[in-house]
């Protein structure tokens, strides 16, 4: 039997498990990708001294802490992409 962490990092096209691929699943794909950075950190910290201190568990996956962390990671990624695009447009100097 898979744990919640194992299931979290396995992609299923039918995310809501209703047996049909619908537009609802597409929204859940975006949600799955958005929370990946935060959930990865939570999975790494779960069971560690730091994770125990902050009371992190499998229930923390896709929660507000993961969302805040993921938001800042994606903000950095978008900033880096924007910088690369600007450098390519202006010629790297």
PDB file of N, CA and C in Angstrom:
ATOM      1  N   UNK A   1       0.847  -1.191   0.000  1.00  0.00           N
ATOM      2  CA  UNK A   1       0.000   0.000   0.000  1.00  0.00           C
ATOM      3  C   UNK A   1       0.883   1.241   0.000  1.00  0.00           C
ATOM      4  N   UNK A   2       0.536   2.192  -0.846  1.00  0.00           N
ATOM      5  CA  UNK A   2       1.316   3.417  -0.943  1.00  0.00           C
ATOM      6  C   UNK A   2       0.976   4.368   0.195  1.00  0.00           C
ATOM      7  N   UNK A   3       1.999   5.099   0.647  1.00  0.00           N
ATOM      8  CA  UNK A   3       1.754   6.133   1.650  1.00  0.00           C
ATOM      9  C   UNK A   3       1.236   7.376   0.945  1.00  0.00           C
ATOM     10  N   UNK A   4       0.774   8.340   1.727  1.00  0.00           N
ATOM     11  CA  UNK A   4       0.277   9.594   1.148  1.00  0.00           C
ATOM     12  C   UNK A   4       1.387  10.307   0.386  1.00  0.00           C
ATOM     13  N   UNK A   5       2.620  10.218   0.887  1.00  0.00           N
ATOM     14  CA  UNK A   5       3.742  10.871   0.203  1.00  0.00           C
ATOM     15  C   UNK A   5       4.010  10.191  -1.133  1.00  0.00           C
ATOM     16  N   UNK A   6       3.989   8.877  -1.170  1.00  0.00           N
ATOM     17  CA  UNK A   6       4.179   8.162  -2.439  1.00  0.00           C
ATOM     18  C   UNK A   6       3.085   8.521  -3.431  1.00  0.00           C
ATOM     19  N   UNK A   7       1.853   8.550  -2.971  1.00  0.00           N
ATOM     20  CA  UNK A   7       0.735   8.884  -3.850  1.00  0.00           C
ATOM     21  C   UNK A   7       0.833  10.326  -4.337  1.00  0.00           C
ATOM     22  N   UNK A   8       1.324  11.220  -3.496  1.00  0.00           N
ATOM     23  CA  UNK A   8       1.414  12.635  -3.860  1.00  0.00           C
ATOM     24  C   UNK A   8       2.340  12.839  -5.046  1.00  0.00           C
ATOM     25  N   UNK A   9       3.411  12.077  -5.122  1.00  0.00           N
ATOM     26  CA  UNK A   9       4.394  12.276  -6.185  1.00  0.00           C
ATOM     27  C   UNK A   9       4.184  11.348  -7.375  1.00  0.00           C
ATOM     28  N   UNK A  10       3.022  10.715  -7.449  1.00  0.00           N
ATOM     29  CA  UNK A  10       2.644   9.904  -8.599  1.00  0.00           C
ATOM     30  C   UNK A  10       1.574  10.666  -9.360  1.00  0.00           C
ATOM     31  N   UNK A  11       1.829  10.927 -10.656  1.00  0.00           N
ATOM     32  CA  UNK A  11       0.868  11.689 -11.454  1.00  0.00           C
ATOM     33  C   UNK A  11      -0.169  10.751 -12.051  1.00  0.00           C
ATOM     34  N   UNK A  12      -1.424  11.130 -11.905  1.00  0.00           N
ATOM     35  CA  UNK A  12      -2.545  10.422 -12.516  1.00  0.00           C
ATOM     36  C   UNK A  12      -3.305  11.413 -13.385  1.00  0.00           C
ATOM     37  N   UNK A  13      -3.578  11.027 -14.636  1.00  0.00           N
ATOM     38  CA  UNK A  13      -4.338  11.916 -15.513  1.00  0.00           C
ATOM     39  C   UNK A  13      -5.723  12.178 -14.935  1.00  0.00           C
ATOM     40  N   UNK A  14      -6.337  11.148 -14.380  1.00  0.00           N
ATOM     41  CA  UNK A  14      -7.657  11.282 -13.763  1.00  0.00           C
ATOM     42  C   UNK A  14      -7.450  11.622 -12.286  1.00  0.00           C
ATOM     43  N   UNK A  15      -7.175  12.890 -12.011  1.00  0.00           N
ATOM     44  CA  UNK A  15      -6.804  13.328 -10.665  1.00  0.00           C
ATOM     45  C   UNK A  15      -7.918  13.162  -9.640  1.00  0.00           C
ATOM     46  N   UNK A  16      -9.161  13.356 -10.047  1.00  0.00           N
ATOM     47  CA  UNK A  16     -10.245  13.232  -9.065  1.00  0.00           C
ATOM     48  C   UNK A  16     -10.815  11.811  -8.996  1.00  0.00           C
ATOM     49  N   UNK A  17     -10.215  10.899  -9.730  1.00  0.00           N
ATOM     50  CA  UNK A  17     -10.519   9.468  -9.692  1.00  0.00           C
ATOM     51  C   UNK A  17     -12.022   9.187  -9.859  1.00  0.00           C
ATOM     52  N   UNK A  18     -12.623   9.882 -10.815  1.00  0.00           N
ATOM     53  CA  UNK A  18     -14.033   9.609 -11.090  1.00  0.00           C
ATOM     54  C   UNK A  18     -14.211   8.697 -12.300  1.00  0.00           C
ATOM     55  N   UNK A  19     -13.097   8.256 -12.874  1.00  0.00           N
ATOM     56  CA  UNK A  19     -13.161   7.341 -14.004  1.00  0.00           C
ATOM     57  C   UNK A  19     -13.273   8.015 -15.352  1.00  0.00           C
ATOM     58  N   UNK A  20     -13.346   9.353 -15.382  1.00  0.00           N
ATOM     59  CA  UNK A  20     -13.500  10.096 -16.623  1.00  0.00           C
ATOM     60  C   UNK A  20     -12.516  11.260 -16.610  1.00  0.00           C
ATOM     61  N   UNK A  21     -11.861  11.512 -17.742  1.00  0.00           N
ATOM     62  CA  UNK A  21     -10.960  12.656 -17.865  1.00  0.00           C
ATOM     63  C   UNK A  21     -11.775  13.878 -18.262  1.00  0.00           C
ATOM     64  N   UNK A  22     -11.843  14.884 -17.371  1.00  0.00           N
ATOM     65  CA  UNK A  22     -12.665  16.066 -17.604  1.00  0.00           C
ATOM     66  C   UNK A  22     -11.853  17.332 -17.338  1.00  0.00           C
ATOM     67  N   UNK A  23     -12.475  18.479 -17.551  1.00  0.00           N
ATOM     68  CA  UNK A  23     -11.840  19.771 -17.304  1.00  0.00           C
ATOM     69  C   UNK A  23     -11.467  19.926 -15.825  1.00  0.00           C
ATOM     70  N   UNK A  24     -12.203  19.277 -14.951  1.00  0.00           N
ATOM     71  CA  UNK A  24     -11.865  19.309 -13.526  1.00  0.00           C
ATOM     72  C   UNK A  24     -10.489  18.707 -13.273  1.00  0.00           C
ATOM     73  N   UNK A  25     -10.133  17.691 -14.033  1.00  0.00           N
ATOM     74  CA  UNK A  25      -8.820  17.070 -13.901  1.00  0.00           C
ATOM     75  C   UNK A  25      -7.713  18.020 -14.346  1.00  0.00           C
ATOM     76  N   UNK A  26      -7.980  18.827 -15.375  1.00  0.00           N
ATOM     77  CA  UNK A  26      -6.974  19.779 -15.860  1.00  0.00           C
ATOM     78  C   UNK A  26      -6.643  20.782 -14.754  1.00  0.00           C
ATOM     79  N   UNK A  27      -7.647  21.304 -14.057  1.00  0.00           N
ATOM     80  CA  UNK A  27      -7.404  22.216 -12.939  1.00  0.00           C
ATOM     81  C   UNK A  27      -6.562  21.519 -11.866  1.00  0.00           C
ATOM     82  N   UNK A  28      -6.880  20.274 -11.587  1.00  0.00           N
ATOM     83  CA  UNK A  28      -6.135  19.533 -10.583  1.00  0.00           C
ATOM     84  C   UNK A  28      -4.699  19.251 -11.021  1.00  0.00           C
ATOM     85  N   UNK A  29      -4.422  19.183 -12.339  1.00  0.00           N
ATOM     86  CA  UNK A  29      -3.042  19.046 -12.822  1.00  0.00           C
ATOM     87  C   UNK A  29      -2.239  20.284 -12.443  1.00  0.00           C
ATOM     88  N   UNK A  30      -2.836  21.474 -12.660  1.00  0.00           N
ATOM     89  CA  UNK A  30      -2.146  22.723 -12.302  1.00  0.00           C
ATOM     90  C   UNK A  30      -1.888  22.782 -10.798  1.00  0.00           C
ATOM     91  N   UNK A  31      -2.868  22.371 -10.028  1.00  0.00           N
ATOM     92  CA  UNK A  31      -2.711  22.352  -8.573  1.00  0.00           C
ATOM     93  C   UNK A  31      -1.602  21.381  -8.180  1.00  0.00           C
ATOM     94  N   UNK A  32      -1.561  20.211  -8.809  1.00  0.00           N
ATOM     95  CA  UNK A  32      -0.544  19.210  -8.539  1.00  0.00           C
ATOM     96  C   UNK A  32       0.855  19.780  -8.795  1.00  0.00           C
ATOM     97  N   UNK A  33       1.025  20.461  -9.938  1.00  0.00           N
ATOM     98  CA  UNK A  33       2.327  21.053 -10.290  1.00  0.00           C
ATOM     99  C   UNK A  33       2.669  22.204  -9.352  1.00  0.00           C
ATOM    100  N   UNK A  34       1.693  23.064  -9.046  1.00  0.00           N
ATOM    101  CA  UNK A  34       1.951  24.231  -8.199  1.00  0.00           C
ATOM    102  C   UNK A  34       2.500  23.827  -6.829  1.00  0.00           C
ATOM    103  N   UNK A  35       1.920  22.811  -6.219  1.00  0.00           N
ATOM    104  CA  UNK A  35       2.315  22.413  -4.868  1.00  0.00           C
ATOM    105  C   UNK A  35       3.568  21.531  -4.819  1.00  0.00           C
ATOM    106  N   UNK A  36       4.110  21.123  -5.970  1.00  0.00           N
ATOM    107  CA  UNK A  36       5.258  20.220  -5.975  1.00  0.00           C
ATOM    108  C   UNK A  36       6.448  20.717  -5.149  1.00  0.00           C
ATOM    109  N   UNK A  37       6.918  21.965  -5.308  1.00  0.00           N
ATOM    110  CA  UNK A  37       8.093  22.390  -4.529  1.00  0.00           C
ATOM    111  C   UNK A  37       7.872  22.316  -3.020  1.00  0.00           C
ATOM    112  N   UNK A  38       6.747  22.816  -2.549  1.00  0.00           N
ATOM    113  CA  UNK A  38       6.466  22.794  -1.121  1.00  0.00           C
ATOM    114  C   UNK A  38       6.274  21.393  -0.591  1.00  0.00           C
ATOM    115  N   UNK A  39       5.601  20.554  -1.360  1.00  0.00           N
ATOM    116  CA  UNK A  39       5.379  19.177  -0.926  1.00  0.00           C
ATOM    117  C   UNK A  39       6.687  18.384  -0.915  1.00  0.00           C
ATOM    118  N   UNK A  40       7.588  18.694  -1.847  1.00  0.00           N
ATOM    119  CA  UNK A  40       8.885  18.029  -1.863  1.00  0.00           C
ATOM    120  C   UNK A  40       9.656  18.336  -0.573  1.00  0.00           C
ATOM    121  N   UNK A  41       9.665  19.597  -0.176  1.00  0.00           N
ATOM    122  CA  UNK A  41      10.344  19.990   1.062  1.00  0.00           C
ATOM    123  C   UNK A  41       9.659  19.352   2.273  1.00  0.00           C
ATOM    124  N   UNK A  42       8.332  19.373   2.288  1.00  0.00           N
ATOM    125  CA  UNK A  42       7.603  18.744   3.398  1.00  0.00           C
ATOM    126  C   UNK A  42       7.905  17.249   3.492  1.00  0.00           C
ATOM    127  N   UNK A  43       7.948  16.586   2.359  1.00  0.00           N
ATOM    128  CA  UNK A  43       8.239  15.146   2.362  1.00  0.00           C
ATOM    129  C   UNK A  43       9.652  14.892   2.875  1.00  0.00           C
ATOM    130  N   UNK A  44      10.588  15.769   2.506  1.00  0.00           N
ATOM    131  CA  UNK A  44      11.973  15.602   2.962  1.00  0.00           C
ATOM    132  C   UNK A  44      12.099  15.854   4.463  1.00  0.00           C
ATOM    133  N   UNK A  45      11.301  16.786   4.994  1.00  0.00           N
ATOM    134  CA  UNK A  45      11.416  17.151   6.401  1.00  0.00           C
ATOM    135  C   UNK A  45      10.564  16.290   7.337  1.00  0.00           C
ATOM    136  N   UNK A  46       9.566  15.616   6.796  1.00  0.00           N
ATOM    137  CA  UNK A  46       8.685  14.796   7.628  1.00  0.00           C
ATOM    138  C   UNK A  46       9.494  13.704   8.327  1.00  0.00           C
ATOM    139  N   UNK A  47       9.374  13.659   9.641  1.00  0.00           N
ATOM    140  CA  UNK A  47      10.096  12.668  10.436  1.00  0.00           C
ATOM    141  C   UNK A  47      11.462  13.121  10.916  1.00  0.00           C
ATOM    142  N   UNK A  48      11.937  14.273  10.411  1.00  0.00           N
ATOM    143  CA  UNK A  48      13.227  14.795  10.861  1.00  0.00           C
ATOM    144  C   UNK A  48      13.028  15.619  12.130  1.00  0.00           C
ATOM    145  N   UNK A  49      14.130  16.058  12.722  1.00  0.00           N
ATOM    146  CA  UNK A  49      14.049  16.892  13.923  1.00  0.00           C
ATOM    147  C   UNK A  49      13.303  18.190  13.627  1.00  0.00           C
ATOM    148  N   UNK A  50      13.635  18.817  12.499  1.00  0.00           N
ATOM    149  CA  UNK A  50      12.956  20.073  12.111  1.00  0.00           C
ATOM    150  C   UNK A  50      11.491  19.800  11.821  1.00  0.00           C
ATOM    151  N   UNK A  51      11.221  18.729  11.093  1.00  0.00           N
ATOM    152  CA  UNK A  51       9.845  18.370  10.777  1.00  0.00           C
ATOM    153  C   UNK A  51       9.021  18.083  12.023  1.00  0.00           C
ATOM    154  N   UNK A  52       9.628  17.406  12.988  1.00  0.00           N
ATOM    155  CA  UNK A  52       8.927  17.134  14.251  1.00  0.00           C
ATOM    156  C   UNK A  52       8.665  18.422  15.016  1.00  0.00           C
ATOM    157  N   UNK A  53       9.638  19.347  14.994  1.00  0.00           N
ATOM    158  CA  UNK A  53       9.457  20.611  15.697  1.00  0.00           C
ATOM    159  C   UNK A  53       8.278  21.398  15.113  1.00  0.00           C
ATOM    160  N   UNK A  54       8.195  21.433  13.790  1.00  0.00           N
ATOM    161  CA  UNK A  54       7.103  22.162  13.136  1.00  0.00           C
ATOM    162  C   UNK A  54       5.844  21.307  12.957  1.00  0.00           C
ATOM    163  N   UNK A  55       5.861  20.092  13.521  1.00  0.00           N
ATOM    164  CA  UNK A  55       4.725  19.173  13.478  1.00  0.00           C
ATOM    165  C   UNK A  55       4.272  18.873  12.050  1.00  0.00           C
ATOM    166  N   UNK A  56       5.237  18.632  11.167  1.00  0.00           N
ATOM    167  CA  UNK A  56       4.940  18.300   9.781  1.00  0.00           C
ATOM    168  C   UNK A  56       4.609  16.820   9.682  1.00  0.00           C
ATOM    169  N   UNK A  57       3.619  16.524   8.879  1.00  0.00           N
ATOM    170  CA  UNK A  57       3.224  15.134   8.658  1.00  0.00           C
ATOM    171  C   UNK A  57       2.679  15.006   7.240  1.00  0.00           C
ATOM    172  N   UNK A  58       2.229  13.810   6.897  1.00  0.00           N
ATOM    173  CA  UNK A  58       1.629  13.606   5.581  1.00  0.00           C
ATOM    174  C   UNK A  58       0.388  14.463   5.390  1.00  0.00           C
ATOM    175  N   UNK A  59      -0.245  14.842   6.480  1.00  0.00           N
ATOM    176  CA  UNK A  59      -1.425  15.698   6.392  1.00  0.00           C
ATOM    177  C   UNK A  59      -1.076  17.123   5.956  1.00  0.00           C
ATOM    178  N   UNK A  60       0.209  17.483   6.030  1.00  0.00           N
ATOM    179  CA  UNK A  60       0.646  18.822   5.653  1.00  0.00           C
ATOM    180  C   UNK A  60       0.765  18.997   4.139  1.00  0.00           C
ATOM    181  N   UNK A  61       0.753  17.887   3.396  1.00  0.00           N
ATOM    182  CA  UNK A  61       0.896  17.964   1.944  1.00  0.00           C
ATOM    183  C   UNK A  61      -0.252  18.760   1.338  1.00  0.00           C
ATOM    184  N   UNK A  62       0.077  19.625   0.400  1.00  0.00           N
ATOM    185  CA  UNK A  62      -0.865  20.498  -0.309  1.00  0.00           C
ATOM    186  C   UNK A  62      -1.613  21.427   0.648  1.00  0.00           C
ATOM    187  N   UNK A  63      -0.996  21.746   1.768  1.00  0.00           N
ATOM    188  CA  UNK A  63      -1.585  22.660   2.743  1.00  0.00           C
ATOM    189  C   UNK A  63      -1.090  24.086   2.542  1.00  0.00           C
ATOM    190  N   UNK A  64      -1.427  24.955   3.492  1.00  0.00           N
ATOM    191  CA  UNK A  64      -1.088  26.371   3.327  1.00  0.00           C
ATOM    192  C   UNK A  64       0.427  26.591   3.372  1.00  0.00           C
ATOM    193  N   UNK A  65       1.144  25.873   4.212  1.00  0.00           N
ATOM    194  CA  UNK A  65       2.603  26.041   4.282  1.00  0.00           C
ATOM    195  C   UNK A  65       3.276  25.643   2.981  1.00  0.00           C
ATOM    196  N   UNK A  66       2.823  24.544   2.436  1.00  0.00           N
ATOM    197  CA  UNK A  66       3.339  24.094   1.147  1.00  0.00           C
ATOM    198  C   UNK A  66       2.993  25.098   0.056  1.00  0.00           C
ATOM    199  N   UNK A  67       1.803  25.659   0.122  1.00  0.00           N
ATOM    200  CA  UNK A  67       1.375  26.644  -0.870  1.00  0.00           C
ATOM    201  C   UNK A  67       2.191  27.918  -0.820  1.00  0.00           C
ATOM    202  N   UNK A  68       2.481  28.408   0.381  1.00  0.00           N
ATOM    203  CA  UNK A  68       3.283  29.634   0.521  1.00  0.00           C
ATOM    204  C   UNK A  68       4.691  29.391   0.004  1.00  0.00           C
ATOM    205  N   UNK A  69       5.304  28.281   0.420  1.00  0.00           N
ATOM    206  CA  UNK A  69       6.650  27.960  -0.048  1.00  0.00           C
ATOM    207  C   UNK A  69       6.665  27.810  -1.566  1.00  0.00           C
ATOM    208  N   UNK A  70       5.692  27.084  -2.110  1.00  0.00           N
ATOM    209  CA  UNK A  70       5.617  26.867  -3.560  1.00  0.00           C
ATOM    210  C   UNK A  70       5.437  28.183  -4.304  1.00  0.00           C
ATOM    211  N   UNK A  71       4.629  29.082  -3.761  1.00  0.00           N
ATOM    212  CA  UNK A  71       4.415  30.389  -4.394  1.00  0.00           C
ATOM    213  C   UNK A  71       5.742  31.118  -4.574  1.00  0.00           C
ATOM    214  N   UNK A  72       6.561  31.149  -3.531  1.00  0.00           N
ATOM    215  CA  UNK A  72       7.834  31.856  -3.621  1.00  0.00           C
ATOM    216  C   UNK A  72       8.819  31.154  -4.549  1.00  0.00           C
ATOM    217  N   UNK A  73       8.787  29.830  -4.579  1.00  0.00           N
ATOM    218  CA  UNK A  73       9.641  29.099  -5.523  1.00  0.00           C
ATOM    219  C   UNK A  73       9.246  29.437  -6.956  1.00  0.00           C
ATOM    220  N   UNK A  74       7.939  29.392  -7.248  1.00  0.00           N
ATOM    221  CA  UNK A  74       7.492  29.695  -8.611  1.00  0.00           C
ATOM    222  C   UNK A  74       7.734  31.160  -8.963  1.00  0.00           C
ATOM    223  N   UNK A  75       7.664  32.049  -7.972  1.00  0.00           N
ATOM    224  CA  UNK A  75       7.992  33.460  -8.211  1.00  0.00           C
ATOM    225  C   UNK A  75       9.453  33.592  -8.628  1.00  0.00           C
ATOM    226  N   UNK A  76      10.348  32.887  -7.948  1.00  0.00           N
ATOM    227  CA  UNK A  76      11.769  32.896  -8.314  1.00  0.00           C
ATOM    228  C   UNK A  76      11.996  32.296  -9.700  1.00  0.00           C
ATOM    229  N   UNK A  77      11.287  31.216 -10.003  1.00  0.00           N
ATOM    230  CA  UNK A  77      11.424  30.578 -11.314  1.00  0.00           C
ATOM    231  C   UNK A  77      10.973  31.538 -12.421  1.00  0.00           C
ATOM    232  N   UNK A  78       9.831  32.187 -12.223  1.00  0.00           N
ATOM    233  CA  UNK A  78       9.347  33.142 -13.222  1.00  0.00           C
ATOM    234  C   UNK A  78      10.292  34.331 -13.357  1.00  0.00           C
ATOM    235  N   UNK A  79      10.856  34.785 -12.239  1.00  0.00           N
ATOM    236  CA  UNK A  79      11.839  35.871 -12.285  1.00  0.00           C
ATOM    237  C   UNK A  79      13.073  35.467 -13.065  1.00  0.00           C
ATOM    238  N   UNK A  80      13.541  34.241 -12.861  1.00  0.00           N
ATOM    239  CA  UNK A  80      14.707  33.758 -13.593  1.00  0.00           C
ATOM    240  C   UNK A  80      14.413  33.638 -15.084  1.00  0.00           C
ATOM    241  N   UNK A  81      13.233  33.144 -15.424  1.00  0.00           N
ATOM    242  CA  UNK A  81      12.848  33.020 -16.833  1.00  0.00           C
ATOM    243  C   UNK A  81      12.770  34.398 -17.475  1.00  0.00           C
ATOM    244  N   UNK A  82      12.191  35.357 -16.768  1.00  0.00           N
ATOM    245  CA  UNK A  82      12.097  36.723 -17.286  1.00  0.00           C
ATOM    246  C   UNK A  82      13.484  37.312 -17.515  1.00  0.00           C
ATOM    247  N   UNK A  83      14.396  37.078 -16.598  1.00  0.00           N
ATOM    248  CA  UNK A  83      15.759  37.585 -16.738  1.00  0.00           C
ATOM    249  C   UNK A  83      16.449  36.970 -17.949  1.00  0.00           C
ATOM    250  N   UNK A  84      16.280  35.683 -18.146  1.00  0.00           N
ATOM    251  CA  UNK A  84      16.889  35.009 -19.296  1.00  0.00           C
ATOM    252  C   UNK A  84      16.307  35.554 -20.595  1.00  0.00           C
ATOM    253  N   UNK A  85      14.995  35.734 -20.640  1.00  0.00           N
ATOM    254  CA  UNK A  85      14.357  36.269 -21.838  1.00  0.00           C
ATOM    255  C   UNK A  85      14.859  37.669 -22.139  1.00  0.00           C
ATOM    256  N   UNK A  86      14.979  38.518 -21.109  1.00  0.00           N
ATOM    257  CA  UNK A  86      15.505  39.873 -21.299  1.00  0.00           C
ATOM    258  C   UNK A  86      16.940  39.844 -21.806  1.00  0.00           C
ATOM    259  N   UNK A  87      17.754  38.946 -21.249  1.00  0.00           N
ATOM    260  CA  UNK A  87      19.137  38.823 -21.697  1.00  0.00           C
ATOM    261  C   UNK A  87      19.224  38.389 -23.162  1.00  0.00           C
ATOM    262  N   UNK A  88      18.361  37.474 -23.550  1.00  0.00           N
ATOM    263  CA  UNK A  88      18.357  37.000 -24.938  1.00  0.00           C
ATOM    264  C   UNK A  88      17.910  38.124 -25.874  1.00  0.00           C
ATOM    265  N   UNK A  89      16.891  38.873 -25.471  1.00  0.00           N
ATOM    266  CA  UNK A  89      16.397  39.987 -26.309  1.00  0.00           C
ATOM    267  C   UNK A  89      17.435  41.067 -26.462  1.00  0.00           C
ATOM    268  N   UNK A  90      18.123  41.409 -25.381  1.00  0.00           N
ATOM    269  CA  UNK A  90      19.077  42.517 -25.395  1.00  0.00           C
ATOM    270  C   UNK A  90      20.496  42.083 -25.721  1.00  0.00           C
ATOM    271  N   UNK A  91      20.703  40.815 -25.910  1.00  0.00           N
ATOM    272  CA  UNK A  91      22.057  40.312 -26.123  1.00  0.00           C
ATOM    273  C   UNK A  91      22.793  40.262 -24.799  1.00  0.00           C
ATOM    274  N   UNK A  92      23.360  39.138 -24.513  1.00  0.00           N
ATOM    275  CA  UNK A  92      24.060  38.972 -23.239  1.00  0.00           C
ATOM    276  C   UNK A  92      25.333  39.800 -23.285  1.00  0.00           C
ATOM    277  N   UNK A  93      25.491  40.667 -22.273  1.00  0.00           N
ATOM    278  CA  UNK A  93      26.673  41.538 -22.263  1.00  0.00           C
ATOM    279  C   UNK A  93      27.643  41.194 -21.178  1.00  0.00           C
TER     280      UNK A  93
END
